Amino acid sequence: MLAEAGRIASTYSYVVEPSEEAGGYFGRTLELPYVMGDGRTQEACIDSVREATICAIATMLERGESPPEGATSPRSEQVNIRLTAMERLRIDLEARRAGFRSVSDYIRTAALRGTD
């Protein structure tokens, strides 16, 4: 499981930002924004996030769940939905609050959660 989880994690995009609170760096992946790590250096932070991500993916695999594909994986299908301006604003805010870079990633993750 860990080898497969490591292979999947290697396709993920990592985001690292300075953390004034911790005096180092804070990081996460775009694909699993709720999996986080930190470190004194950027490299240590990425290692921390990667380790946490591998554990999260391994857990998903053990439960029979399908981890999300890498953010750079090709996407060929499109779904259009109509929203009110207020609905769009609320979705934008929730996506940012949850750490997603785009509304599309947020909606895709929310819609697919628990469907596997």
PDB file of N, CA and C in Angstrom:
ATOM      1  N   MET A   1       0.821  -1.204   0.000  1.00  0.00           N
ATOM      2  CA  MET A   1       0.000   0.000   0.000  1.00  0.00           C
ATOM      3  C   MET A   1       0.862   1.264   0.000  1.00  0.00           C
ATOM      4  N   LEU A   2       1.918   1.270   0.817  1.00  0.00           N
ATOM      5  CA  LEU A   2       2.734   2.480   0.914  1.00  0.00           C
ATOM      6  C   LEU A   2       3.431   2.796  -0.398  1.00  0.00           C
ATOM      7  N   ALA A   3       3.875   1.763  -1.123  1.00  0.00           N
ATOM      8  CA  ALA A   3       4.538   2.009  -2.408  1.00  0.00           C
ATOM      9  C   ALA A   3       3.562   2.643  -3.396  1.00  0.00           C
ATOM     10  N   GLU A   4       2.351   2.108  -3.462  1.00  0.00           N
ATOM     11  CA  GLU A   4       1.328   2.664  -4.353  1.00  0.00           C
ATOM     12  C   GLU A   4       0.952   4.075  -3.908  1.00  0.00           C
ATOM     13  N   ALA A   5       0.822   4.283  -2.606  1.00  0.00           N
ATOM     14  CA  ALA A   5       0.500   5.614  -2.079  1.00  0.00           C
ATOM     15  C   ALA A   5       1.606   6.606  -2.428  1.00  0.00           C
ATOM     16  N   GLY A   6       2.853   6.172  -2.333  1.00  0.00           N
ATOM     17  CA  GLY A   6       3.978   7.036  -2.686  1.00  0.00           C
ATOM     18  C   GLY A   6       3.974   7.400  -4.160  1.00  0.00           C
ATOM     19  N   ARG A   7       3.622   6.433  -5.010  1.00  0.00           N
ATOM     20  CA  ARG A   7       3.549   6.697  -6.447  1.00  0.00           C
ATOM     21  C   ARG A   7       2.471   7.741  -6.738  1.00  0.00           C
ATOM     22  N   ILE A   8       1.320   7.589  -6.105  1.00  0.00           N
ATOM     23  CA  ILE A   8       0.222   8.543  -6.311  1.00  0.00           C
ATOM     24  C   ILE A   8       0.621   9.925  -5.782  1.00  0.00           C
ATOM     25  N   ALA A   9       1.211   9.962  -4.588  1.00  0.00           N
ATOM     26  CA  ALA A   9       1.612  11.243  -3.980  1.00  0.00           C
ATOM     27  C   ALA A   9       2.631  11.978  -4.839  1.00  0.00           C
ATOM     28  N   SER A  10       3.443  11.237  -5.591  1.00  0.00           N
ATOM     29  CA  SER A  10       4.462  11.882  -6.427  1.00  0.00           C
ATOM     30  C   SER A  10       3.848  12.653  -7.594  1.00  0.00           C
ATOM     31  N   THR A  11       2.563  12.426  -7.880  1.00  0.00           N
ATOM     32  CA  THR A  11       1.888  13.168  -8.956  1.00  0.00           C
ATOM     33  C   THR A  11       1.179  14.415  -8.431  1.00  0.00           C
ATOM     34  N   TYR A  12       1.209  14.629  -7.124  1.00  0.00           N
ATOM     35  CA  TYR A  12       0.493  15.747  -6.513  1.00  0.00           C
ATOM     36  C   TYR A  12       1.331  17.023  -6.540  1.00  0.00           C
ATOM     37  N   SER A  13       0.634  18.145  -6.463  1.00  0.00           N
ATOM     38  CA  SER A  13       1.279  19.457  -6.427  1.00  0.00           C
ATOM     39  C   SER A  13       1.314  19.950  -4.985  1.00  0.00           C
ATOM     40  N   TYR A  14       2.488  20.377  -4.545  1.00  0.00           N
ATOM     41  CA  TYR A  14       2.686  20.817  -3.170  1.00  0.00           C
ATOM     42  C   TYR A  14       2.784  22.335  -3.115  1.00  0.00           C
ATOM     43  N   VAL A  15       2.115  22.924  -2.121  1.00  0.00           N
ATOM     44  CA  VAL A  15       2.129  24.368  -1.912  1.00  0.00           C
ATOM     45  C   VAL A  15       2.807  24.624  -0.574  1.00  0.00           C
ATOM     46  N   VAL A  16       3.847  25.451  -0.582  1.00  0.00           N
ATOM     47  CA  VAL A  16       4.593  25.771   0.639  1.00  0.00           C
ATOM     48  C   VAL A  16       4.607  27.284   0.807  1.00  0.00           C
ATOM     49  N   GLU A  17       4.280  27.734   2.014  1.00  0.00           N
ATOM     50  CA  GLU A  17       4.243  29.165   2.311  1.00  0.00           C
ATOM     51  C   GLU A  17       4.980  29.432   3.618  1.00  0.00           C
ATOM     52  N   PRO A  18       5.604  30.608   3.741  1.00  0.00           N
ATOM     53  CA  PRO A  18       6.230  30.951   5.019  1.00  0.00           C
ATOM     54  C   PRO A  18       5.184  31.011   6.129  1.00  0.00           C
ATOM     55  N   SER A  19       5.568  30.582   7.312  1.00  0.00           N
ATOM     56  CA  SER A  19       4.662  30.611   8.462  1.00  0.00           C
ATOM     57  C   SER A  19       5.303  31.438   9.562  1.00  0.00           C
ATOM     58  N   GLU A  20       4.752  32.619   9.788  1.00  0.00           N
ATOM     59  CA  GLU A  20       5.286  33.483  10.837  1.00  0.00           C
ATOM     60  C   GLU A  20       5.065  32.872  12.212  1.00  0.00           C
ATOM     61  N   GLU A  21       3.928  32.183  12.384  1.00  0.00           N
ATOM     62  CA  GLU A  21       3.601  31.576  13.677  1.00  0.00           C
ATOM     63  C   GLU A  21       4.608  30.497  14.062  1.00  0.00           C
ATOM     64  N   ALA A  22       4.953  29.646  13.109  1.00  0.00           N
ATOM     65  CA  ALA A  22       5.842  28.519  13.396  1.00  0.00           C
ATOM     66  C   ALA A  22       7.307  28.879  13.193  1.00  0.00           C
ATOM     67  N   GLY A  23       7.569  30.013  12.558  1.00  0.00           N
ATOM     68  CA  GLY A  23       8.944  30.402  12.306  1.00  0.00           C
ATOM     69  C   GLY A  23       9.605  29.546  11.245  1.00  0.00           C
ATOM     70  N   GLY A  24       8.839  28.985  10.371  1.00  0.00           N
ATOM     71  CA  GLY A  24       9.357  28.141   9.300  1.00  0.00           C
ATOM     72  C   GLY A  24       8.406  28.185   8.122  1.00  0.00           C
ATOM     73  N   TYR A  25       7.974  27.006   7.696  1.00  0.00           N
ATOM     74  CA  TYR A  25       7.095  26.911   6.536  1.00  0.00           C
ATOM     75  C   TYR A  25       5.910  26.000   6.825  1.00  0.00           C
ATOM     76  N   PHE A  26       4.808  26.279   6.139  1.00  0.00           N
ATOM     77  CA  PHE A  26       3.578  25.504   6.241  1.00  0.00           C
ATOM     78  C   PHE A  26       3.236  25.044   4.834  1.00  0.00           C
ATOM     79  N   GLY A  27       2.795  23.782   4.685  1.00  0.00           N
ATOM     80  CA  GLY A  27       2.499  23.285   3.345  1.00  0.00           C
ATOM     81  C   GLY A  27       1.305  22.354   3.299  1.00  0.00           C
ATOM     82  N   ARG A  28       0.836  22.114   2.073  1.00  0.00           N
ATOM     83  CA  ARG A  28      -0.282  21.207   1.808  1.00  0.00           C
ATOM     84  C   ARG A  28      -0.207  20.802   0.344  1.00  0.00           C
ATOM     85  N   THR A  29      -1.092  19.883  -0.061  1.00  0.00           N
ATOM     86  CA  THR A  29      -1.201  19.538  -1.473  1.00  0.00           C
ATOM     87  C   THR A  29      -2.474  20.165  -2.028  1.00  0.00           C
ATOM     88  N   LEU A  30      -2.486  20.400  -3.331  1.00  0.00           N
ATOM     89  CA  LEU A  30      -3.702  20.917  -3.957  1.00  0.00           C
ATOM     90  C   LEU A  30      -4.796  19.862  -3.957  1.00  0.00           C
ATOM     91  N   GLU A  31      -4.396  18.614  -4.102  1.00  0.00           N
ATOM     92  CA  GLU A  31      -5.362  17.528  -4.237  1.00  0.00           C
ATOM     93  C   GLU A  31      -6.017  17.147  -2.918  1.00  0.00           C
ATOM     94  N   LEU A  32      -5.286  17.229  -1.833  1.00  0.00           N
ATOM     95  CA  LEU A  32      -5.798  16.916  -0.495  1.00  0.00           C
ATOM     96  C   LEU A  32      -5.464  18.094   0.419  1.00  0.00           C
ATOM     97  N   PRO A  33      -6.172  19.227   0.283  1.00  0.00           N
ATOM     98  CA  PRO A  33      -5.794  20.442   1.006  1.00  0.00           C
ATOM     99  C   PRO A  33      -5.899  20.334   2.518  1.00  0.00           C
ATOM    100  N   TYR A  34      -6.601  19.317   3.018  1.00  0.00           N
ATOM    101  CA  TYR A  34      -6.725  19.142   4.465  1.00  0.00           C
ATOM    102  C   TYR A  34      -5.552  18.350   5.045  1.00  0.00           C
ATOM    103  N   VAL A  35      -4.657  17.856   4.192  1.00  0.00           N
ATOM    104  CA  VAL A  35      -3.449  17.163   4.654  1.00  0.00           C
ATOM    105  C   VAL A  35      -2.329  18.193   4.645  1.00  0.00           C
ATOM    106  N   MET A  36      -1.746  18.443   5.824  1.00  0.00           N
ATOM    107  CA  MET A  36      -0.790  19.535   5.959  1.00  0.00           C
ATOM    108  C   MET A  36       0.495  19.075   6.635  1.00  0.00           C
ATOM    109  N   GLY A  37       1.492  19.917   6.546  1.00  0.00           N
ATOM    110  CA  GLY A  37       2.754  19.664   7.220  1.00  0.00           C
ATOM    111  C   GLY A  37       3.485  20.975   7.419  1.00  0.00           C
ATOM    112  N   ASP A  38       4.562  20.918   8.189  1.00  0.00           N
ATOM    113  CA  ASP A  38       5.369  22.114   8.391  1.00  0.00           C
ATOM    114  C   ASP A  38       6.823  21.714   8.561  1.00  0.00           C
ATOM    115  N   GLY A  39       7.685  22.708   8.573  1.00  0.00           N
ATOM    116  CA  GLY A  39       9.105  22.449   8.754  1.00  0.00           C
ATOM    117  C   GLY A  39       9.875  23.746   8.845  1.00  0.00           C
ATOM    118  N   ARG A  40      11.078  23.653   9.361  1.00  0.00           N
ATOM    119  CA  ARG A  40      11.920  24.847   9.497  1.00  0.00           C
ATOM    120  C   ARG A  40      12.405  25.353   8.139  1.00  0.00           C
ATOM    121  N   THR A  41      12.589  24.423   7.186  1.00  0.00           N
ATOM    122  CA  THR A  41      13.012  24.791   5.836  1.00  0.00           C
ATOM    123  C   THR A  41      11.927  24.359   4.848  1.00  0.00           C
ATOM    124  N   GLN A  42      12.006  24.885   3.628  1.00  0.00           N
ATOM    125  CA  GLN A  42      11.045  24.480   2.606  1.00  0.00           C
ATOM    126  C   GLN A  42      11.145  22.981   2.331  1.00  0.00           C
ATOM    127  N   GLU A  43      12.371  22.464   2.273  1.00  0.00           N
ATOM    128  CA  GLU A  43      12.574  21.041   2.002  1.00  0.00           C
ATOM    129  C   GLU A  43      11.984  20.180   3.111  1.00  0.00           C
ATOM    130  N   ALA A  44      12.193  20.583   4.364  1.00  0.00           N
ATOM    131  CA  ALA A  44      11.640  19.829   5.496  1.00  0.00           C
ATOM    132  C   ALA A  44      10.118  19.881   5.474  1.00  0.00           C
ATOM    133  N   CYS A  45       9.577  21.016   5.083  1.00  0.00           N
ATOM    134  CA  CYS A  45       8.123  21.164   4.996  1.00  0.00           C
ATOM    135  C   CYS A  45       7.561  20.240   3.918  1.00  0.00           C
ATOM    136  N   ILE A  46       8.181  20.225   2.745  1.00  0.00           N
ATOM    137  CA  ILE A  46       7.717  19.350   1.666  1.00  0.00           C
ATOM    138  C   ILE A  46       7.798  17.894   2.097  1.00  0.00           C
ATOM    139  N   ASP A  47       8.879  17.507   2.770  1.00  0.00           N
ATOM    140  CA  ASP A  47       9.004  16.129   3.269  1.00  0.00           C
ATOM    141  C   ASP A  47       7.879  15.805   4.244  1.00  0.00           C
ATOM    142  N   SER A  48       7.552  16.750   5.117  1.00  0.00           N
ATOM    143  CA  SER A  48       6.487  16.559   6.099  1.00  0.00           C
ATOM    144  C   SER A  48       5.129  16.393   5.419  1.00  0.00           C
ATOM    145  N   VAL A  49       4.858  17.247   4.435  1.00  0.00           N
ATOM    146  CA  VAL A  49       3.584  17.164   3.706  1.00  0.00           C
ATOM    147  C   VAL A  49       3.525  15.867   2.913  1.00  0.00           C
ATOM    148  N   ARG A  50       4.630  15.505   2.264  1.00  0.00           N
ATOM    149  CA  ARG A  50       4.660  14.277   1.460  1.00  0.00           C
ATOM    150  C   ARG A  50       4.390  13.054   2.340  1.00  0.00           C
ATOM    151  N   GLU A  51       5.019  12.997   3.512  1.00  0.00           N
ATOM    152  CA  GLU A  51       4.812  11.872   4.433  1.00  0.00           C
ATOM    153  C   GLU A  51       3.348  11.795   4.881  1.00  0.00           C
ATOM    154  N   ALA A  52       2.767  12.935   5.235  1.00  0.00           N
ATOM    155  CA  ALA A  52       1.360  12.959   5.653  1.00  0.00           C
ATOM    156  C   ALA A  52       0.442  12.574   4.498  1.00  0.00           C
ATOM    157  N   THR A  53       0.790  13.021   3.294  1.00  0.00           N
ATOM    158  CA  THR A  53      -0.013  12.710   2.112  1.00  0.00           C
ATOM    159  C   THR A  53       0.029  11.217   1.808  1.00  0.00           C
ATOM    160  N   ILE A  54       1.206  10.619   1.891  1.00  0.00           N
ATOM    161  CA  ILE A  54       1.336   9.177   1.651  1.00  0.00           C
ATOM    162  C   ILE A  54       0.498   8.400   2.659  1.00  0.00           C
ATOM    163  N   CYS A  55       0.541   8.810   3.917  1.00  0.00           N
ATOM    164  CA  CYS A  55      -0.273   8.134   4.947  1.00  0.00           C
ATOM    165  C   CYS A  55      -1.764   8.281   4.650  1.00  0.00           C
ATOM    166  N   ALA A  56      -2.188   9.478   4.236  1.00  0.00           N
ATOM    167  CA  ALA A  56      -3.605   9.704   3.924  1.00  0.00           C
ATOM    168  C   ALA A  56      -4.037   8.860   2.727  1.00  0.00           C
ATOM    169  N   ILE A  57      -3.200   8.807   1.704  1.00  0.00           N
ATOM    170  CA  ILE A  57      -3.529   8.018   0.512  1.00  0.00           C
ATOM    171  C   ILE A  57      -3.563   6.534   0.853  1.00  0.00           C
ATOM    172  N   ALA A  58      -2.587   6.061   1.630  1.00  0.00           N
ATOM    173  CA  ALA A  58      -2.566   4.646   2.029  1.00  0.00           C
ATOM    174  C   ALA A  58      -3.834   4.287   2.798  1.00  0.00           C
ATOM    175  N   THR A  59      -4.272   5.181   3.673  1.00  0.00           N
ATOM    176  CA  THR A  59      -5.514   4.948   4.424  1.00  0.00           C
ATOM    177  C   THR A  59      -6.706   4.871   3.480  1.00  0.00           C
ATOM    178  N   MET A  60      -6.754   5.766   2.512  1.00  0.00           N
ATOM    179  CA  MET A  60      -7.846   5.739   1.534  1.00  0.00           C
ATOM    180  C   MET A  60      -7.846   4.419   0.767  1.00  0.00           C
ATOM    181  N   LEU A  61      -6.666   3.986   0.335  1.00  0.00           N
ATOM    182  CA  LEU A  61      -6.566   2.733  -0.417  1.00  0.00           C
ATOM    183  C   LEU A  61      -7.002   1.545   0.435  1.00  0.00           C
ATOM    184  N   GLU A  62      -6.586   1.528   1.706  1.00  0.00           N
ATOM    185  CA  GLU A  62      -6.976   0.437   2.607  1.00  0.00           C
ATOM    186  C   GLU A  62      -8.488   0.381   2.795  1.00  0.00           C
ATOM    187  N   ARG A  63      -9.143   1.522   2.738  1.00  0.00           N
ATOM    188  CA  ARG A  63     -10.604   1.586   2.901  1.00  0.00           C
ATOM    189  C   ARG A  63     -11.349   1.330   1.591  1.00  0.00           C
ATOM    190  N   GLY A  64     -10.590   1.114   0.525  1.00  0.00           N
ATOM    191  CA  GLY A  64     -11.216   0.885  -0.772  1.00  0.00           C
ATOM    192  C   GLY A  64     -11.636   2.154  -1.479  1.00  0.00           C
ATOM    193  N   GLU A  65     -11.156   3.295  -1.003  1.00  0.00           N
ATOM    194  CA  GLU A  65     -11.485   4.583  -1.616  1.00  0.00           C
ATOM    195  C   GLU A  65     -10.479   4.900  -2.717  1.00  0.00           C
ATOM    196  N   SER A  66     -10.855   5.759  -3.630  1.00  0.00           N
ATOM    197  CA  SER A  66      -9.970   6.191  -4.712  1.00  0.00           C
ATOM    198  C   SER A  66      -9.432   7.579  -4.405  1.00  0.00           C
ATOM    199  N   PRO A  67      -8.124   7.706  -4.209  1.00  0.00           N
ATOM    200  CA  PRO A  67      -7.553   9.036  -3.972  1.00  0.00           C
ATOM    201  C   PRO A  67      -7.729   9.908  -5.217  1.00  0.00           C
ATOM    202  N   PRO A  68      -7.777  11.222  -5.037  1.00  0.00           N
ATOM    203  CA  PRO A  68      -7.921  12.096  -6.205  1.00  0.00           C
ATOM    204  C   PRO A  68      -6.700  11.999  -7.116  1.00  0.00           C
ATOM    205  N   GLU A  69      -6.925  12.196  -8.400  1.00  0.00           N
ATOM    206  CA  GLU A  69      -5.819  12.233  -9.348  1.00  0.00           C
ATOM    207  C   GLU A  69      -5.051  13.533  -9.152  1.00  0.00           C
ATOM    208  N   GLY A  70      -3.810  13.547  -9.619  1.00  0.00           N
ATOM    209  CA  GLY A  70      -2.994  14.743  -9.521  1.00  0.00           C
ATOM    210  C   GLY A  70      -3.654  15.930 -10.201  1.00  0.00           C
ATOM    211  N   ALA A  71      -3.406  17.121  -9.682  1.00  0.00           N
ATOM    212  CA  ALA A  71      -4.031  18.334 -10.223  1.00  0.00           C
ATOM    213  C   ALA A  71      -3.667  18.554 -11.683  1.00  0.00           C
ATOM    214  N   THR A  72      -2.535  18.013 -12.115  1.00  0.00           N
ATOM    215  CA  THR A  72      -2.116  18.206 -13.500  1.00  0.00           C
ATOM    216  C   THR A  72      -2.584  17.076 -14.410  1.00  0.00           C
ATOM    217  N   SER A  73      -3.307  16.093 -13.852  1.00  0.00           N
ATOM    218  CA  SER A  73      -3.838  15.013 -14.690  1.00  0.00           C
ATOM    219  C   SER A  73      -4.819  15.600 -15.697  1.00  0.00           C
ATOM    220  N   PRO A  74      -4.832  15.040 -16.907  1.00  0.00           N
ATOM    221  CA  PRO A  74      -5.734  15.597 -17.921  1.00  0.00           C
ATOM    222  C   PRO A  74      -7.204  15.441 -17.542  1.00  0.00           C
ATOM    223  N   ARG A  75      -7.956  16.467 -17.800  1.00  0.00           N
ATOM    224  CA  ARG A  75      -9.397  16.463 -17.570  1.00  0.00           C
ATOM    225  C   ARG A  75     -10.046  16.723 -18.931  1.00  0.00           C
ATOM    226  N   SER A  76     -10.953  15.868 -19.338  1.00  0.00           N
ATOM    227  CA  SER A  76     -11.537  16.015 -20.669  1.00  0.00           C
ATOM    228  C   SER A  76     -13.035  16.306 -20.650  1.00  0.00           C
ATOM    229  N   GLU A  77     -13.672  16.125 -19.521  1.00  0.00           N
ATOM    230  CA  GLU A  77     -15.119  16.316 -19.444  1.00  0.00           C
ATOM    231  C   GLU A  77     -15.445  17.626 -18.741  1.00  0.00           C
ATOM    232  N   GLN A  78     -16.569  18.209 -19.105  1.00  0.00           N
ATOM    233  CA  GLN A  78     -16.973  19.476 -18.510  1.00  0.00           C
ATOM    234  C   GLN A  78     -18.445  19.414 -18.130  1.00  0.00           C
ATOM    235  N   VAL A  79     -18.783  20.004 -16.993  1.00  0.00           N
ATOM    236  CA  VAL A  79     -20.164  20.101 -16.532  1.00  0.00           C
ATOM    237  C   VAL A  79     -20.449  21.574 -16.261  1.00  0.00           C
ATOM    238  N   ASN A  80     -21.539  22.072 -16.782  1.00  0.00           N
ATOM    239  CA  ASN A  80     -21.936  23.466 -16.548  1.00  0.00           C
ATOM    240  C   ASN A  80     -23.134  23.491 -15.617  1.00  0.00           C
ATOM    241  N   ILE A  81     -23.097  24.380 -14.633  1.00  0.00           N
ATOM    242  CA  ILE A  81     -24.228  24.540 -13.727  1.00  0.00           C
ATOM    243  C   ILE A  81     -24.576  26.027 -13.631  1.00  0.00           C
ATOM    244  N   ARG A  82     -25.822  26.309 -13.388  1.00  0.00           N
ATOM    245  CA  ARG A  82     -26.271  27.695 -13.228  1.00  0.00           C
ATOM    246  C   ARG A  82     -26.410  27.994 -11.738  1.00  0.00           C
ATOM    247  N   LEU A  83     -25.880  29.150 -11.343  1.00  0.00           N
ATOM    248  CA  LEU A  83     -25.913  29.583  -9.948  1.00  0.00           C
ATOM    249  C   LEU A  83     -26.391  31.022  -9.874  1.00  0.00           C
ATOM    250  N   THR A  84     -26.912  31.395  -8.725  1.00  0.00           N
ATOM    251  CA  THR A  84     -27.161  32.812  -8.478  1.00  0.00           C
ATOM    252  C   THR A  84     -25.823  33.449  -8.122  1.00  0.00           C
ATOM    253  N   ALA A  85     -25.762  34.756  -8.181  1.00  0.00           N
ATOM    254  CA  ALA A  85     -24.526  35.455  -7.818  1.00  0.00           C
ATOM    255  C   ALA A  85     -24.143  35.151  -6.368  1.00  0.00           C
ATOM    256  N   MET A  86     -25.137  35.082  -5.486  1.00  0.00           N
ATOM    257  CA  MET A  86     -24.871  34.795  -4.074  1.00  0.00           C
ATOM    258  C   MET A  86     -24.352  33.370  -3.898  1.00  0.00           C
ATOM    259  N   GLU A  87     -24.911  32.413  -4.623  1.00  0.00           N
ATOM    260  CA  GLU A  87     -24.422  31.027  -4.534  1.00  0.00           C
ATOM    261  C   GLU A  87     -22.973  30.943  -4.989  1.00  0.00           C
ATOM    262  N   ARG A  88     -22.643  31.619  -6.078  1.00  0.00           N
ATOM    263  CA  ARG A  88     -21.273  31.607  -6.589  1.00  0.00           C
ATOM    264  C   ARG A  88     -20.322  32.216  -5.563  1.00  0.00           C
ATOM    265  N   LEU A  89     -20.717  33.319  -4.955  1.00  0.00           N
ATOM    266  CA  LEU A  89     -19.896  33.964  -3.938  1.00  0.00           C
ATOM    267  C   LEU A  89     -19.666  33.028  -2.757  1.00  0.00           C
ATOM    268  N   ARG A  90     -20.712  32.360  -2.292  1.00  0.00           N
ATOM    269  CA  ARG A  90     -20.582  31.433  -1.158  1.00  0.00           C
ATOM    270  C   ARG A  90     -19.662  30.266  -1.497  1.00  0.00           C
ATOM    271  N   ILE A  91     -19.787  29.739  -2.718  1.00  0.00           N
ATOM    272  CA  ILE A  91     -18.921  28.632  -3.135  1.00  0.00           C
ATOM    273  C   ILE A  91     -17.475  29.103  -3.228  1.00  0.00           C
ATOM    274  N   ASP A  92     -17.248  30.289  -3.801  1.00  0.00           N
ATOM    275  CA  ASP A  92     -15.891  30.846  -3.874  1.00  0.00           C
ATOM    276  C   ASP A  92     -15.272  30.964  -2.484  1.00  0.00           C
ATOM    277  N   LEU A  93     -16.037  31.514  -1.546  1.00  0.00           N
ATOM    278  CA  LEU A  93     -15.531  31.694  -0.181  1.00  0.00           C
ATOM    279  C   LEU A  93     -15.212  30.357   0.484  1.00  0.00           C
ATOM    280  N   GLU A  94     -16.096  29.388   0.336  1.00  0.00           N
ATOM    281  CA  GLU A  94     -15.864  28.070   0.937  1.00  0.00           C
ATOM    282  C   GLU A  94     -14.665  27.379   0.304  1.00  0.00           C
ATOM    283  N   ALA A  95     -14.505  27.524  -1.002  1.00  0.00           N
ATOM    284  CA  ALA A  95     -13.360  26.914  -1.688  1.00  0.00           C
ATOM    285  C   ALA A  95     -12.056  27.494  -1.154  1.00  0.00           C
ATOM    286  N   ARG A  96     -11.998  28.813  -1.019  1.00  0.00           N
ATOM    287  CA  ARG A  96     -10.789  29.448  -0.480  1.00  0.00           C
ATOM    288  C   ARG A  96     -10.556  29.057   0.965  1.00  0.00           C
ATOM    289  N   ARG A  97     -11.632  29.039   1.753  1.00  0.00           N
ATOM    290  CA  ARG A  97     -11.528  28.682   3.170  1.00  0.00           C
ATOM    291  C   ARG A  97     -11.006  27.249   3.330  1.00  0.00           C
ATOM    292  N   ALA A  98     -11.395  26.365   2.423  1.00  0.00           N
ATOM    293  CA  ALA A  98     -10.969  24.966   2.479  1.00  0.00           C
ATOM    294  C   ALA A  98      -9.583  24.765   1.873  1.00  0.00           C
ATOM    295  N   GLY A  99      -9.005  25.822   1.296  1.00  0.00           N
ATOM    296  CA  GLY A  99      -7.648  25.732   0.774  1.00  0.00           C
ATOM    297  C   GLY A  99      -7.546  25.332  -0.687  1.00  0.00           C
ATOM    298  N   PHE A 100      -8.648  25.369  -1.411  1.00  0.00           N
ATOM    299  CA  PHE A 100      -8.611  25.008  -2.825  1.00  0.00           C
ATOM    300  C   PHE A 100      -8.204  26.212  -3.656  1.00  0.00           C
ATOM    301  N   ARG A 101      -7.471  25.948  -4.723  1.00  0.00           N
ATOM    302  CA  ARG A 101      -7.038  27.002  -5.619  1.00  0.00           C
ATOM    303  C   ARG A 101      -8.136  27.421  -6.581  1.00  0.00           C
ATOM    304  N   SER A 102      -9.040  26.504  -6.887  1.00  0.00           N
ATOM    305  CA  SER A 102     -10.097  26.833  -7.840  1.00  0.00           C
ATOM    306  C   SER A 102     -11.437  26.282  -7.375  1.00  0.00           C
ATOM    307  N   VAL A 103     -12.492  26.913  -7.840  1.00  0.00           N
ATOM    308  CA  VAL A 103     -13.841  26.453  -7.540  1.00  0.00           C
ATOM    309  C   VAL A 103     -14.054  25.072  -8.156  1.00  0.00           C
ATOM    310  N   SER A 104     -13.499  24.853  -9.346  1.00  0.00           N
ATOM    311  CA  SER A 104     -13.651  23.550 -10.007  1.00  0.00           C
ATOM    312  C   SER A 104     -13.110  22.423  -9.142  1.00  0.00           C
ATOM    313  N   ASP A 105     -11.909  22.607  -8.587  1.00  0.00           N
ATOM    314  CA  ASP A 105     -11.330  21.570  -7.726  1.00  0.00           C
ATOM    315  C   ASP A 105     -12.194  21.349  -6.490  1.00  0.00           C
ATOM    316  N   TYR A 106     -12.706  22.425  -5.923  1.00  0.00           N
ATOM    317  CA  TYR A 106     -13.554  22.325  -4.737  1.00  0.00           C
ATOM    318  C   TYR A 106     -14.838  21.555  -5.036  1.00  0.00           C
ATOM    319  N   ILE A 107     -15.510  21.930  -6.115  1.00  0.00           N
ATOM    320  CA  ILE A 107     -16.769  21.269  -6.466  1.00  0.00           C
ATOM    321  C   ILE A 107     -16.530  19.804  -6.815  1.00  0.00           C
ATOM    322  N   ARG A 108     -15.475  19.523  -7.589  1.00  0.00           N
ATOM    323  CA  ARG A 108     -15.169  18.137  -7.961  1.00  0.00           C
ATOM    324  C   ARG A 108     -14.916  17.296  -6.719  1.00  0.00           C
ATOM    325  N   THR A 109     -14.105  17.796  -5.792  1.00  0.00           N
ATOM    326  CA  THR A 109     -13.792  17.054  -4.572  1.00  0.00           C
ATOM    327  C   THR A 109     -15.043  16.839  -3.729  1.00  0.00           C
ATOM    328  N   ALA A 110     -15.847  17.892  -3.568  1.00  0.00           N
ATOM    329  CA  ALA A 110     -17.070  17.777  -2.765  1.00  0.00           C
ATOM    330  C   ALA A 110     -18.057  16.800  -3.392  1.00  0.00           C
ATOM    331  N   ALA A 111     -18.188  16.850  -4.704  1.00  0.00           N
ATOM    332  CA  ALA A 111     -19.149  15.979  -5.385  1.00  0.00           C
ATOM    333  C   ALA A 111     -18.719  14.519  -5.359  1.00  0.00           C
ATOM    334  N   LEU A 112     -17.421  14.271  -5.441  1.00  0.00           N
ATOM    335  CA  LEU A 112     -16.933  12.893  -5.504  1.00  0.00           C
ATOM    336  C   LEU A 112     -16.703  12.276  -4.132  1.00  0.00           C
ATOM    337  N   ARG A 113     -16.718  13.091  -3.089  1.00  0.00           N
ATOM    338  CA  ARG A 113     -16.495  12.586  -1.736  1.00  0.00           C
ATOM    339  C   ARG A 113     -17.562  11.546  -1.402  1.00  0.00           C
ATOM    340  N   GLY A 114     -17.127  10.362  -1.066  1.00  0.00           N
ATOM    341  CA  GLY A 114     -18.045   9.312  -0.648  1.00  0.00           C
ATOM    342  C   GLY A 114     -18.765   8.592  -1.772  1.00  0.00           C
ATOM    343  N   THR A 115     -18.385   8.837  -3.025  1.00  0.00           N
ATOM    344  CA  THR A 115     -19.063   8.153  -4.126  1.00  0.00           C
ATOM    345  C   THR A 115     -18.345   6.892  -4.561  1.00  0.00           C
ATOM    346  N   ASP A 116     -17.139   6.672  -4.072  1.00  0.00           N
ATOM    347  CA  ASP A 116     -16.370   5.481  -4.484  1.00  0.00           C
ATOM    348  C   ASP A 116     -16.724   4.278  -3.655  1.00  0.00           C
TER     349      ASP A 116
END
